[in-house]
Amino acid sequence: AGGSGAATAGATAEVYDPASGTWSSTGSMVWGRYMHTA
């Protein structure tokens, strides 16, 4: 979740599935964040 990046990751989040080795998008955070904790 979150972070900064080339496109500013901001509020976006995604989920990694070890069984398939793939990523999928999930709901975005209420706030864009970086240097946060989870």
PDB file of all heavy atoms in Angstrom:
ATOM      1  N   ALA A   1       0.821  -1.215   0.000  1.00  0.00           N
ATOM      2  CA  ALA A   1       0.000   0.000   0.000  1.00  0.00           C
ATOM      3  C   ALA A   1       0.846   1.252   0.000  1.00  0.00           C
ATOM      4  O   ALA A   1       1.872   1.339   0.686  1.00  0.00           O
ATOM      5  CB  ALA A   1      -0.923   0.000   1.219  1.00  0.00           C
ATOM      6  N   GLY A   2       0.398   2.247  -0.793  1.00  0.00           N
ATOM      7  CA  GLY A   2       0.952   3.580  -0.767  1.00  0.00           C
ATOM      8  C   GLY A   2       2.377   3.673  -1.263  1.00  0.00           C
ATOM      9  O   GLY A   2       2.858   2.871  -2.059  1.00  0.00           O
ATOM     10  N   GLY A   3       3.075   4.688  -0.771  1.00  0.00           N
ATOM     11  CA  GLY A   3       4.445   4.938  -1.174  1.00  0.00           C
ATOM     12  C   GLY A   3       4.532   6.010  -2.235  1.00  0.00           C
ATOM     13  O   GLY A   3       3.534   6.561  -2.704  1.00  0.00           O
ATOM     14  N   SER A   4       5.759   6.319  -2.608  1.00  0.00           N
ATOM     15  CA  SER A   4       6.008   7.263  -3.695  1.00  0.00           C
ATOM     16  C   SER A   4       6.620   6.490  -4.849  1.00  0.00           C
ATOM     17  O   SER A   4       7.146   5.398  -4.674  1.00  0.00           O
ATOM     18  CB  SER A   4       6.948   8.380  -3.236  1.00  0.00           C
ATOM     19  OG  SER A   4       8.188   7.824  -2.790  1.00  0.00           O
ATOM     20  N   GLY A   5       6.538   7.030  -6.029  1.00  0.00           N
ATOM     21  CA  GLY A   5       7.049   6.339  -7.203  1.00  0.00           C
ATOM     22  C   GLY A   5       6.997   7.237  -8.417  1.00  0.00           C
ATOM     23  O   GLY A   5       6.637   8.420  -8.326  1.00  0.00           O
ATOM     24  N   ALA A   6       7.315   6.631  -9.549  1.00  0.00           N
ATOM     25  CA  ALA A   6       7.360   7.408 -10.782  1.00  0.00           C
ATOM     26  C   ALA A   6       6.020   8.069 -11.074  1.00  0.00           C
ATOM     27  O   ALA A   6       5.958   9.189 -11.579  1.00  0.00           O
ATOM     28  CB  ALA A   6       7.778   6.506 -11.940  1.00  0.00           C
ATOM     29  N   ALA A   7       4.939   7.344 -10.776  1.00  0.00           N
ATOM     30  CA  ALA A   7       3.605   7.900 -11.016  1.00  0.00           C
ATOM     31  C   ALA A   7       2.954   8.322  -9.705  1.00  0.00           C
ATOM     32  O   ALA A   7       1.759   8.580  -9.647  1.00  0.00           O
ATOM     33  CB  ALA A   7       2.731   6.876 -11.723  1.00  0.00           C
ATOM     34  N   THR A   8       3.753   8.377  -8.611  1.00  0.00           N
ATOM     35  CA  THR A   8       3.278   8.655  -7.261  1.00  0.00           C
ATOM     36  C   THR A   8       2.223   7.627  -6.863  1.00  0.00           C
ATOM     37  O   THR A   8       1.037   7.767  -7.138  1.00  0.00           O
ATOM     38  CB  THR A   8       2.693  10.079  -7.135  1.00  0.00           C
ATOM     39  OG1 THR A   8       3.660  10.999  -7.620  1.00  0.00           O
ATOM     40  CG2 THR A   8       2.388  10.385  -5.690  1.00  0.00           C
ATOM     41  N   ALA A   9       2.687   6.575  -6.204  1.00  0.00           N
ATOM     42  CA  ALA A   9       1.807   5.473  -5.818  1.00  0.00           C
ATOM     43  C   ALA A   9       0.655   5.973  -4.959  1.00  0.00           C
ATOM     44  O   ALA A   9      -0.482   5.540  -5.092  1.00  0.00           O
ATOM     45  CB  ALA A   9       2.615   4.404  -5.078  1.00  0.00           C
ATOM     46  N   GLY A  10       0.966   6.906  -4.040  1.00  0.00           N
ATOM     47  CA  GLY A  10      -0.075   7.592  -3.291  1.00  0.00           C
ATOM     48  C   GLY A  10      -1.025   6.701  -2.542  1.00  0.00           C
ATOM     49  O   GLY A  10      -0.661   6.023  -1.595  1.00  0.00           O
ATOM     50  N   ALA A  11      -2.290   6.685  -2.974  1.00  0.00           N
ATOM     51  CA  ALA A  11      -3.336   5.964  -2.259  1.00  0.00           C
ATOM     52  C   ALA A  11      -3.555   4.547  -2.789  1.00  0.00           C
ATOM     53  O   ALA A  11      -4.312   3.786  -2.198  1.00  0.00           O
ATOM     54  CB  ALA A  11      -4.647   6.746  -2.349  1.00  0.00           C
ATOM     55  N   THR A  12      -2.910   4.164  -3.863  1.00  0.00           N
ATOM     56  CA  THR A  12      -3.208   2.869  -4.464  1.00  0.00           C
ATOM     57  C   THR A  12      -2.664   1.719  -3.630  1.00  0.00           C
ATOM     58  O   THR A  12      -1.736   1.873  -2.832  1.00  0.00           O
ATOM     59  CB  THR A  12      -2.621   2.770  -5.884  1.00  0.00           C
ATOM     60  OG1 THR A  12      -1.195   2.812  -5.807  1.00  0.00           O
ATOM     61  CG2 THR A  12      -3.126   3.907  -6.760  1.00  0.00           C
ATOM     62  N   ALA A  13      -3.251   0.543  -3.828  1.00  0.00           N
ATOM     63  CA  ALA A  13      -2.826  -0.669  -3.132  1.00  0.00           C
ATOM     64  C   ALA A  13      -3.009  -1.856  -4.056  1.00  0.00           C
ATOM     65  O   ALA A  13      -3.849  -1.836  -4.967  1.00  0.00           O
ATOM     66  CB  ALA A  13      -3.626  -0.856  -1.847  1.00  0.00           C
ATOM     67  N   GLU A  14      -2.238  -2.895  -3.835  1.00  0.00           N
ATOM     68  CA  GLU A  14      -2.361  -4.131  -4.607  1.00  0.00           C
ATOM     69  C   GLU A  14      -1.976  -5.315  -3.741  1.00  0.00           C
ATOM     70  O   GLU A  14      -1.364  -5.157  -2.679  1.00  0.00           O
ATOM     71  CB  GLU A  14      -1.530  -4.066  -5.884  1.00  0.00           C
ATOM     72  CG  GLU A  14      -0.108  -3.599  -5.733  1.00  0.00           C
ATOM     73  CD  GLU A  14       0.526  -3.244  -7.077  1.00  0.00           C
ATOM     74  OE1 GLU A  14       0.603  -4.138  -7.947  1.00  0.00           O
ATOM     75  OE2 GLU A  14       0.962  -2.080  -7.254  1.00  0.00           O
ATOM     76  N   VAL A  15      -2.364  -6.510  -4.202  1.00  0.00           N
ATOM     77  CA  VAL A  15      -2.185  -7.732  -3.414  1.00  0.00           C
ATOM     78  C   VAL A  15      -1.401  -8.750  -4.218  1.00  0.00           C
ATOM     79  O   VAL A  15      -1.699  -8.998  -5.398  1.00  0.00           O
ATOM     80  CB  VAL A  15      -3.556  -8.309  -3.003  1.00  0.00           C
ATOM     81  CG1 VAL A  15      -3.382  -9.665  -2.316  1.00  0.00           C
ATOM     82  CG2 VAL A  15      -4.279  -7.344  -2.066  1.00  0.00           C
ATOM     83  N   TYR A  16      -0.403  -9.351  -3.579  1.00  0.00           N
ATOM     84  CA  TYR A  16       0.406 -10.410  -4.199  1.00  0.00           C
ATOM     85  C   TYR A  16      -0.084 -11.770  -3.712  1.00  0.00           C
ATOM     86  O   TYR A  16      -0.294 -11.977  -2.511  1.00  0.00           O
ATOM     87  CB  TYR A  16       1.874 -10.238  -3.845  1.00  0.00           C
ATOM     88  CG  TYR A  16       2.757 -11.361  -4.349  1.00  0.00           C
ATOM     89  CD1 TYR A  16       3.122 -11.438  -5.692  1.00  0.00           C
ATOM     90  CD2 TYR A  16       3.224 -12.346  -3.481  1.00  0.00           C
ATOM     91  CE1 TYR A  16       3.922 -12.469  -6.158  1.00  0.00           C
ATOM     92  CE2 TYR A  16       4.033 -13.381  -3.943  1.00  0.00           C
ATOM     93  CZ  TYR A  16       4.377 -13.433  -5.278  1.00  0.00           C
ATOM     94  OH  TYR A  16       5.170 -14.454  -5.743  1.00  0.00           O
ATOM     95  N   ASP A  17      -0.287 -12.686  -4.655  1.00  0.00           N
ATOM     96  CA  ASP A  17      -0.734 -14.038  -4.346  1.00  0.00           C
ATOM     97  C   ASP A  17       0.429 -15.005  -4.566  1.00  0.00           C
ATOM     98  O   ASP A  17       0.801 -15.282  -5.710  1.00  0.00           O
ATOM     99  CB  ASP A  17      -1.913 -14.423  -5.238  1.00  0.00           C
ATOM    100  CG  ASP A  17      -2.484 -15.791  -4.892  1.00  0.00           C
ATOM    101  OD1 ASP A  17      -1.885 -16.504  -4.058  1.00  0.00           O
ATOM    102  OD2 ASP A  17      -3.528 -16.162  -5.462  1.00  0.00           O
ATOM    103  N   PRO A  18       1.037 -15.537  -3.491  1.00  0.00           N
ATOM    104  CA  PRO A  18       2.174 -16.449  -3.672  1.00  0.00           C
ATOM    105  C   PRO A  18       1.827 -17.710  -4.448  1.00  0.00           C
ATOM    106  O   PRO A  18       2.692 -18.305  -5.098  1.00  0.00           O
ATOM    107  CB  PRO A  18       2.575 -16.795  -2.229  1.00  0.00           C
ATOM    108  CG  PRO A  18       2.037 -15.686  -1.395  1.00  0.00           C
ATOM    109  CD  PRO A  18       0.761 -15.285  -2.067  1.00  0.00           C
ATOM    110  N   ALA A  19       0.557 -18.140  -4.391  1.00  0.00           N
ATOM    111  CA  ALA A  19       0.160 -19.371  -5.077  1.00  0.00           C
ATOM    112  C   ALA A  19       0.281 -19.233  -6.587  1.00  0.00           C
ATOM    113  O   ALA A  19       0.684 -20.169  -7.283  1.00  0.00           O
ATOM    114  CB  ALA A  19      -1.269 -19.758  -4.692  1.00  0.00           C
ATOM    115  N   SER A  20      -0.047 -18.050  -7.104  1.00  0.00           N
ATOM    116  CA  SER A  20      -0.001 -17.828  -8.554  1.00  0.00           C
ATOM    117  C   SER A  20       1.170 -16.951  -8.986  1.00  0.00           C
ATOM    118  O   SER A  20       1.481 -16.868 -10.176  1.00  0.00           O
ATOM    119  CB  SER A  20      -1.305 -17.184  -9.025  1.00  0.00           C
ATOM    120  OG  SER A  20      -1.485 -15.914  -8.414  1.00  0.00           O
ATOM    121  N   GLY A  21       1.815 -16.290  -7.998  1.00  0.00           N
ATOM    122  CA  GLY A  21       2.912 -15.388  -8.334  1.00  0.00           C
ATOM    123  C   GLY A  21       2.462 -14.137  -9.057  1.00  0.00           C
ATOM    124  O   GLY A  21       3.231 -13.520  -9.793  1.00  0.00           O
ATOM    125  N   THR A  22       1.198 -13.727  -8.846  1.00  0.00           N
ATOM    126  CA  THR A  22       0.638 -12.581  -9.564  1.00  0.00           C
ATOM    127  C   THR A  22       0.175 -11.492  -8.605  1.00  0.00           C
ATOM    128  O   THR A  22      -0.080 -11.733  -7.421  1.00  0.00           O
ATOM    129  CB  THR A  22      -0.552 -13.015 -10.432  1.00  0.00           C
ATOM    130  OG1 THR A  22      -1.552 -13.615  -9.596  1.00  0.00           O
ATOM    131  CG2 THR A  22      -0.106 -14.019 -11.483  1.00  0.00           C
ATOM    132  N   TRP A  23       0.053 -10.274  -9.160  1.00  0.00           N
ATOM    133  CA  TRP A  23      -0.437  -9.112  -8.430  1.00  0.00           C
ATOM    134  C   TRP A  23      -1.829  -8.746  -8.925  1.00  0.00           C
ATOM    135  O   TRP A  23      -2.125  -8.896 -10.103  1.00  0.00           O
ATOM    136  CB  TRP A  23       0.489  -7.921  -8.639  1.00  0.00           C
ATOM    137  CG  TRP A  23       1.875  -8.107  -8.118  1.00  0.00           C
ATOM    138  CD1 TRP A  23       2.930  -8.683  -8.759  1.00  0.00           C
ATOM    139  CD2 TRP A  23       2.365  -7.708  -6.836  1.00  0.00           C
ATOM    140  NE1 TRP A  23       4.042  -8.670  -7.957  1.00  0.00           N
ATOM    141  CE2 TRP A  23       3.732  -8.078  -6.776  1.00  0.00           C
ATOM    142  CE3 TRP A  23       1.786  -7.072  -5.730  1.00  0.00           C
ATOM    143  CZ2 TRP A  23       4.511  -7.821  -5.652  1.00  0.00           C
ATOM    144  CZ3 TRP A  23       2.571  -6.819  -4.622  1.00  0.00           C
ATOM    145  CH2 TRP A  23       3.915  -7.192  -4.579  1.00  0.00           C
ATOM    146  N   SER A  24      -2.662  -8.239  -8.035  1.00  0.00           N
ATOM    147  CA  SER A  24      -3.982  -7.750  -8.433  1.00  0.00           C
ATOM    148  C   SER A  24      -4.294  -6.481  -7.653  1.00  0.00           C
ATOM    149  O   SER A  24      -3.911  -6.344  -6.479  1.00  0.00           O
ATOM    150  CB  SER A  24      -5.059  -8.810  -8.177  1.00  0.00           C
ATOM    151  OG  SER A  24      -5.105  -9.169  -6.808  1.00  0.00           O
ATOM    152  N   SER A  25      -4.990  -5.562  -8.297  1.00  0.00           N
ATOM    153  CA  SER A  25      -5.351  -4.310  -7.642  1.00  0.00           C
ATOM    154  C   SER A  25      -6.414  -4.545  -6.587  1.00  0.00           C
ATOM    155  O   SER A  25      -7.238  -5.457  -6.696  1.00  0.00           O
ATOM    156  CB  SER A  25      -5.864  -3.301  -8.670  1.00  0.00           C
ATOM    157  OG  SER A  25      -4.840  -2.954  -9.580  1.00  0.00           O
ATOM    158  N   THR A  26      -6.396  -3.742  -5.555  1.00  0.00           N
ATOM    159  CA  THR A  26      -7.440  -3.756  -4.546  1.00  0.00           C
ATOM    160  C   THR A  26      -7.846  -2.315  -4.284  1.00  0.00           C
ATOM    161  O   THR A  26      -7.328  -1.397  -4.927  1.00  0.00           O
ATOM    162  CB  THR A  26      -6.971  -4.465  -3.260  1.00  0.00           C
ATOM    163  OG1 THR A  26      -8.090  -4.654  -2.380  1.00  0.00           O
ATOM    164  CG2 THR A  26      -5.875  -3.695  -2.551  1.00  0.00           C
ATOM    165  N   GLY A  27      -8.790  -2.110  -3.380  1.00  0.00           N
ATOM    166  CA  GLY A  27      -9.289  -0.766  -3.139  1.00  0.00           C
ATOM    167  C   GLY A  27      -8.188   0.217  -2.761  1.00  0.00           C
ATOM    168  O   GLY A  27      -7.185  -0.149  -2.145  1.00  0.00           O
ATOM    169  N   SER A  28      -8.367   1.489  -3.120  1.00  0.00           N
ATOM    170  CA  SER A  28      -7.404   2.529  -2.783  1.00  0.00           C
ATOM    171  C   SER A  28      -7.659   3.078  -1.388  1.00  0.00           C
ATOM    172  O   SER A  28      -8.802   3.079  -0.893  1.00  0.00           O
ATOM    173  CB  SER A  28      -7.480   3.679  -3.795  1.00  0.00           C
ATOM    174  OG  SER A  28      -7.001   3.264  -5.057  1.00  0.00           O
ATOM    175  N   MET A  29      -6.600   3.535  -0.752  1.00  0.00           N
ATOM    176  CA  MET A  29      -6.719   4.116   0.576  1.00  0.00           C
ATOM    177  C   MET A  29      -7.511   5.422   0.530  1.00  0.00           C
ATOM    178  O   MET A  29      -7.663   6.044  -0.515  1.00  0.00           O
ATOM    179  CB  MET A  29      -5.332   4.357   1.176  1.00  0.00           C
ATOM    180  CG  MET A  29      -4.555   3.078   1.464  1.00  0.00           C
ATOM    181  SD  MET A  29      -2.993   3.369   2.356  1.00  0.00           S
ATOM    182  CE  MET A  29      -2.033   4.159   1.055  1.00  0.00           C
ATOM    183  N   VAL A  30      -7.993   5.828   1.699  1.00  0.00           N
ATOM    184  CA  VAL A  30      -8.698   7.099   1.809  1.00  0.00           C
ATOM    185  C   VAL A  30      -7.727   8.246   1.546  1.00  0.00           C
ATOM    186  O   VAL A  30      -8.072   9.253   0.929  1.00  0.00           O
ATOM    187  CB  VAL A  30      -9.333   7.243   3.206  1.00  0.00           C
ATOM    188  CG1 VAL A  30     -10.032   8.594   3.346  1.00  0.00           C
ATOM    189  CG2 VAL A  30     -10.306   6.095   3.469  1.00  0.00           C
ATOM    190  N   TRP A  31      -6.475   8.088   2.006  1.00  0.00           N
ATOM    191  CA  TRP A  31      -5.439   9.096   1.857  1.00  0.00           C
ATOM    192  C   TRP A  31      -4.249   8.511   1.097  1.00  0.00           C
ATOM    193  O   TRP A  31      -3.909   7.350   1.266  1.00  0.00           O
ATOM    194  CB  TRP A  31      -4.937   9.563   3.226  1.00  0.00           C
ATOM    195  CG  TRP A  31      -5.921  10.353   4.027  1.00  0.00           C
ATOM    196  CD1 TRP A  31      -6.853   9.855   4.879  1.00  0.00           C
ATOM    197  CD2 TRP A  31      -6.050  11.769   4.059  1.00  0.00           C
ATOM    198  NE1 TRP A  31      -7.569  10.876   5.455  1.00  0.00           N
ATOM    199  CE2 TRP A  31      -7.093  12.067   4.966  1.00  0.00           C
ATOM    200  CE3 TRP A  31      -5.399  12.817   3.419  1.00  0.00           C
ATOM    201  CZ2 TRP A  31      -7.491  13.373   5.243  1.00  0.00           C
ATOM    202  CZ3 TRP A  31      -5.786  14.116   3.704  1.00  0.00           C
ATOM    203  CH2 TRP A  31      -6.827  14.390   4.601  1.00  0.00           C
ATOM    204  N   GLY A  32      -3.599   9.330   0.292  1.00  0.00           N
ATOM    205  CA  GLY A  32      -2.308   8.952  -0.255  1.00  0.00           C
ATOM    206  C   GLY A  32      -1.256   9.044   0.844  1.00  0.00           C
ATOM    207  O   GLY A  32      -1.275   9.986   1.639  1.00  0.00           O
ATOM    208  N   ARG A  33      -0.341   8.065   0.904  1.00  0.00           N
ATOM    209  CA  ARG A  33       0.613   8.035   2.013  1.00  0.00           C
ATOM    210  C   ARG A  33       1.982   7.521   1.569  1.00  0.00           C
ATOM    211  O   ARG A  33       2.084   6.691   0.670  1.00  0.00           O
ATOM    212  CB  ARG A  33       0.124   7.093   3.130  1.00  0.00           C
ATOM    213  CG  ARG A  33      -1.214   7.413   3.731  1.00  0.00           C
ATOM    214  CD  ARG A  33      -1.625   6.315   4.705  1.00  0.00           C
ATOM    215  NE  ARG A  33      -2.975   6.502   5.201  1.00  0.00           N
ATOM    216  CZ  ARG A  33      -3.279   7.184   6.308  1.00  0.00           C
ATOM    217  NH1 ARG A  33      -2.319   7.747   7.019  1.00  0.00           N
ATOM    218  NH2 ARG A  33      -4.541   7.306   6.702  1.00  0.00           N
ATOM    219  N   TYR A  34       3.007   7.976   2.260  1.00  0.00           N
ATOM    220  CA  TYR A  34       4.315   7.332   2.231  1.00  0.00           C
ATOM    221  C   TYR A  34       5.005   7.606   3.564  1.00  0.00           C
ATOM    222  O   TYR A  34       4.618   8.499   4.304  1.00  0.00           O
ATOM    223  CB  TYR A  34       5.164   7.803   1.048  1.00  0.00           C
ATOM    224  CG  TYR A  34       5.635   9.233   1.075  1.00  0.00           C
ATOM    225  CD1 TYR A  34       6.941   9.548   1.421  1.00  0.00           C
ATOM    226  CD2 TYR A  34       4.774  10.275   0.718  1.00  0.00           C
ATOM    227  CE1 TYR A  34       7.390  10.856   1.428  1.00  0.00           C
ATOM    228  CE2 TYR A  34       5.213  11.578   0.717  1.00  0.00           C
ATOM    229  CZ  TYR A  34       6.524  11.877   1.079  1.00  0.00           C
ATOM    230  OH  TYR A  34       6.950  13.173   1.095  1.00  0.00           O
ATOM    231  N   MET A  35       5.987   6.769   3.897  1.00  0.00           N
ATOM    232  CA  MET A  35       6.633   6.801   5.210  1.00  0.00           C
ATOM    233  C   MET A  35       5.602   6.575   6.317  1.00  0.00           C
ATOM    234  O   MET A  35       5.698   7.132   7.413  1.00  0.00           O
ATOM    235  CB  MET A  35       7.401   8.103   5.431  1.00  0.00           C
ATOM    236  CG  MET A  35       8.551   8.300   4.458  1.00  0.00           C
ATOM    237  SD  MET A  35       9.495   9.816   4.715  1.00  0.00           S
ATOM    238  CE  MET A  35      10.320   9.421   6.265  1.00  0.00           C
ATOM    239  N   HIS A  36       4.620   5.732   6.041  1.00  0.00           N
ATOM    240  CA  HIS A  36       3.590   5.360   6.996  1.00  0.00           C
ATOM    241  C   HIS A  36       3.921   3.989   7.578  1.00  0.00           C
ATOM    242  O   HIS A  36       4.944   3.396   7.258  1.00  0.00           O
ATOM    243  CB  HIS A  36       2.223   5.346   6.317  1.00  0.00           C
ATOM    244  CG  HIS A  36       2.175   4.498   5.077  1.00  0.00           C
ATOM    245  ND1 HIS A  36       2.809   4.854   3.900  1.00  0.00           N
ATOM    246  CD2 HIS A  36       1.598   3.292   4.825  1.00  0.00           C
ATOM    247  CE1 HIS A  36       2.619   3.924   2.977  1.00  0.00           C
ATOM    248  NE2 HIS A  36       1.897   2.959   3.518  1.00  0.00           N
ATOM    249  N   THR A  37       3.047   3.457   8.430  1.00  0.00           N
ATOM    250  CA  THR A  37       3.177   2.093   8.938  1.00  0.00           C
ATOM    251  C   THR A  37       1.893   1.322   8.666  1.00  0.00           C
ATOM    252  O   THR A  37       0.811   1.904   8.538  1.00  0.00           O
ATOM    253  CB  THR A  37       3.460   2.067  10.450  1.00  0.00           C
ATOM    254  OG1 THR A  37       2.412   2.767  11.145  1.00  0.00           O
ATOM    255  CG2 THR A  37       4.808   2.698  10.777  1.00  0.00           C
ATOM    256  N   ALA A  38       2.021   0.002   8.580  1.00  0.00           N
ATOM    257  CA  ALA A  38       0.866  -0.885   8.395  1.00  0.00           C
ATOM    258  C   ALA A  38       0.994  -2.023   9.392  1.00  0.00           C
ATOM    259  O   ALA A  38       2.051  -2.662   9.477  1.00  0.00           O
ATOM    260  CB  ALA A  38       0.819  -1.425   6.972  1.00  0.00           C
TER     261      ALA A  38
END
